[in-house]
């Protein structure tokens, strides 16, 4: 049987690996959905970069992030943007949370 300290370390490593995999999946989704076409570096037209969005979203709590995601998905945030209009509610929430976590 493994010592408790070893089990705790293994659990922490598994959680870190899972979080990193999730962040990579969210970054891939942002690329696939075209987010980086406008919000990349350099940004297109007046679109904020992902870094600027991350800074803006970082202080928001979970409810505020959910509201931001809902508005984005409902096309009220900046209506008429094709990439925004293609997002499902689940994708929108994942992207907003990923952005708030630093978009990395």
C-alpha atoms as a PDB file:
ATOM      1  CA  UNK A   1       0.000   0.000   0.000  1.00  0.00           C
ATOM      2  CA  UNK A   2       1.300   3.454  -0.890  1.00  0.00           C
ATOM      3  CA  UNK A   3       1.858   6.041   1.835  1.00  0.00           C
ATOM      4  CA  UNK A   4      -0.811   8.748   2.130  1.00  0.00           C
ATOM      5  CA  UNK A   5       1.704  11.438   1.085  1.00  0.00           C
ATOM      6  CA  UNK A   6       2.413   9.578  -2.164  1.00  0.00           C
ATOM      7  CA  UNK A   7      -1.300   9.194  -2.900  1.00  0.00           C
ATOM      8  CA  UNK A   8      -1.866  12.905  -2.299  1.00  0.00           C
ATOM      9  CA  UNK A   9       0.997  13.751  -4.655  1.00  0.00           C
ATOM     10  CA  UNK A  10      -0.353  11.414  -7.320  1.00  0.00           C
ATOM     11  CA  UNK A  11      -3.828  12.934  -7.017  1.00  0.00           C
ATOM     12  CA  UNK A  12      -2.415  16.436  -7.363  1.00  0.00           C
ATOM     13  CA  UNK A  13      -0.417  15.411 -10.430  1.00  0.00           C
ATOM     14  CA  UNK A  14      -3.496  13.831 -12.024  1.00  0.00           C
ATOM     15  CA  UNK A  15      -5.552  16.957 -11.382  1.00  0.00           C
ATOM     16  CA  UNK A  16      -2.843  19.167 -12.867  1.00  0.00           C
ATOM     17  CA  UNK A  17      -2.605  16.928 -15.930  1.00  0.00           C
ATOM     18  CA  UNK A  18      -6.387  16.983 -16.376  1.00  0.00           C
ATOM     19  CA  UNK A  19      -6.476  20.779 -16.044  1.00  0.00           C
ATOM     20  CA  UNK A  20      -3.695  21.167 -18.605  1.00  0.00           C
ATOM     21  CA  UNK A  21      -5.491  18.850 -21.031  1.00  0.00           C
ATOM     22  CA  UNK A  22      -8.721  20.804 -20.586  1.00  0.00           C
ATOM     23  CA  UNK A  23      -6.916  24.110 -21.224  1.00  0.00           C
ATOM     24  CA  UNK A  24      -5.384  22.678 -24.416  1.00  0.00           C
ATOM     25  CA  UNK A  25      -8.822  21.518 -25.544  1.00  0.00           C
ATOM     26  CA  UNK A  26     -10.279  24.977 -24.883  1.00  0.00           C
ATOM     27  CA  UNK A  27      -7.414  26.657 -26.746  1.00  0.00           C
ATOM     28  CA  UNK A  28      -7.991  24.277 -29.655  1.00  0.00           C
ATOM     29  CA  UNK A  29     -11.701  25.113 -29.587  1.00  0.00           C
ATOM     30  CA  UNK A  30     -10.892  28.850 -29.686  1.00  0.00           C
ATOM     31  CA  UNK A  31      -8.724  28.228 -32.731  1.00  0.00           C
ATOM     32  CA  UNK A  32     -11.308  25.953 -34.370  1.00  0.00           C
ATOM     33  CA  UNK A  33     -14.182  28.398 -33.760  1.00  0.00           C
ATOM     34  CA  UNK A  34     -12.217  31.266 -35.280  1.00  0.00           C
ATOM     35  CA  UNK A  35     -11.808  33.279 -32.071  1.00  0.00           C
ATOM     36  CA  UNK A  36      -8.125  33.860 -32.731  1.00  0.00           C
ATOM     37  CA  UNK A  37      -8.815  35.201 -36.209  1.00  0.00           C
ATOM     38  CA  UNK A  38     -10.034  38.430 -34.620  1.00  0.00           C
ATOM     39  CA  UNK A  39      -8.752  38.210 -31.039  1.00  0.00           C
ATOM     40  CA  UNK A  40      -5.241  36.994 -31.884  1.00  0.00           C
ATOM     41  CA  UNK A  41      -2.043  38.990 -31.786  1.00  0.00           C
ATOM     42  CA  UNK A  42      -2.285  41.261 -33.683  1.00  0.00           C
ATOM     43  CA  UNK A  43      -6.060  41.578 -33.432  1.00  0.00           C
ATOM     44  CA  UNK A  44      -8.336  42.290 -36.374  1.00  0.00           C
ATOM     45  CA  UNK A  45      -9.742  45.841 -36.506  1.00  0.00           C
ATOM     46  CA  UNK A  46     -10.904  46.971 -33.071  1.00  0.00           C
ATOM     47  CA  UNK A  47     -11.239  43.510 -31.531  1.00  0.00           C
ATOM     48  CA  UNK A  48      -9.450  43.125 -28.184  1.00  0.00           C
ATOM     49  CA  UNK A  49      -6.703  40.501 -27.979  1.00  0.00           C
ATOM     50  CA  UNK A  50      -7.213  37.374 -25.887  1.00  0.00           C
ATOM     51  CA  UNK A  51      -4.765  38.849 -23.365  1.00  0.00           C
ATOM     52  CA  UNK A  52      -6.888  42.009 -23.062  1.00  0.00           C
ATOM     53  CA  UNK A  53     -10.048  39.921 -22.692  1.00  0.00           C
ATOM     54  CA  UNK A  54      -8.356  37.745 -20.072  1.00  0.00           C
ATOM     55  CA  UNK A  55      -7.398  40.809 -18.075  1.00  0.00           C
ATOM     56  CA  UNK A  56     -10.961  42.124 -18.345  1.00  0.00           C
ATOM     57  CA  UNK A  57     -12.607  38.789 -17.395  1.00  0.00           C
ATOM     58  CA  UNK A  58     -10.172  37.672 -14.651  1.00  0.00           C
ATOM     59  CA  UNK A  59     -11.843  39.597 -11.803  1.00  0.00           C
ATOM     60  CA  UNK A  60     -15.340  38.336 -12.691  1.00  0.00           C
ATOM     61  CA  UNK A  61     -17.002  35.758 -10.450  1.00  0.00           C
ATOM     62  CA  UNK A  62     -18.676  32.569 -11.721  1.00  0.00           C
ATOM     63  CA  UNK A  63     -22.115  34.193 -12.051  1.00  0.00           C
ATOM     64  CA  UNK A  64     -20.711  37.159 -13.971  1.00  0.00           C
ATOM     65  CA  UNK A  65     -18.816  34.814 -16.296  1.00  0.00           C
ATOM     66  CA  UNK A  66     -21.992  32.812 -16.901  1.00  0.00           C
ATOM     67  CA  UNK A  67     -23.865  36.028 -17.739  1.00  0.00           C
ATOM     68  CA  UNK A  68     -21.077  37.089 -20.112  1.00  0.00           C
ATOM     69  CA  UNK A  69     -21.200  33.666 -21.800  1.00  0.00           C
ATOM     70  CA  UNK A  70     -24.980  33.818 -22.101  1.00  0.00           C
ATOM     71  CA  UNK A  71     -24.847  37.263 -23.683  1.00  0.00           C
ATOM     72  CA  UNK A  72     -22.127  36.130 -26.074  1.00  0.00           C
ATOM     73  CA  UNK A  73     -24.093  33.059 -27.067  1.00  0.00           C
ATOM     74  CA  UNK A  74     -27.304  35.061 -27.478  1.00  0.00           C
ATOM     75  CA  UNK A  75     -25.426  37.439 -29.760  1.00  0.00           C
ATOM     76  CA  UNK A  76     -26.139  40.478 -27.597  1.00  0.00           C
ATOM     77  CA  UNK A  77     -22.533  41.125 -26.644  1.00  0.00           C
ATOM     78  CA  UNK A  78     -21.498  42.329 -30.090  1.00  0.00           C
ATOM     79  CA  UNK A  79     -24.331  41.164 -32.321  1.00  0.00           C
ATOM     80  CA  UNK A  80     -23.742  40.283 -35.927  1.00  0.00           C
ATOM     81  CA  UNK A  81     -20.389  38.541 -35.532  1.00  0.00           C
ATOM     82  CA  UNK A  82     -20.577  35.209 -37.345  1.00  0.00           C
ATOM     83  CA  UNK A  83     -18.134  33.377 -35.048  1.00  0.00           C
ATOM     84  CA  UNK A  84     -20.139  34.412 -31.964  1.00  0.00           C
ATOM     85  CA  UNK A  85     -23.391  33.307 -33.572  1.00  0.00           C
ATOM     86  CA  UNK A  86     -22.060  29.781 -34.168  1.00  0.00           C
ATOM     87  CA  UNK A  87     -21.284  29.127 -30.479  1.00  0.00           C
ATOM     88  CA  UNK A  88     -23.477  26.829 -28.434  1.00  0.00           C
ATOM     89  CA  UNK A  89     -24.222  27.856 -24.823  1.00  0.00           C
ATOM     90  CA  UNK A  90     -21.781  25.194 -23.587  1.00  0.00           C
ATOM     91  CA  UNK A  91     -19.003  26.337 -25.921  1.00  0.00           C
ATOM     92  CA  UNK A  92     -19.572  29.939 -24.978  1.00  0.00           C
ATOM     93  CA  UNK A  93     -19.266  29.177 -21.270  1.00  0.00           C
ATOM     94  CA  UNK A  94     -16.130  27.068 -21.798  1.00  0.00           C
ATOM     95  CA  UNK A  95     -14.515  29.837 -23.822  1.00  0.00           C
ATOM     96  CA  UNK A  96     -15.408  32.589 -21.349  1.00  0.00           C
ATOM     97  CA  UNK A  97     -14.041  30.527 -18.440  1.00  0.00           C
ATOM     98  CA  UNK A  98     -10.883  29.727 -20.420  1.00  0.00           C
ATOM     99  CA  UNK A  99     -10.382  33.402 -21.234  1.00  0.00           C
ATOM    100  CA  UNK A 100     -10.890  34.389 -17.573  1.00  0.00           C
ATOM    101  CA  UNK A 101      -8.266  31.802 -16.573  1.00  0.00           C
ATOM    102  CA  UNK A 102      -5.712  33.535 -18.796  1.00  0.00           C
ATOM    103  CA  UNK A 103      -6.542  32.134 -22.253  1.00  0.00           C
ATOM    104  CA  UNK A 104      -3.444  29.908 -22.314  1.00  0.00           C
END
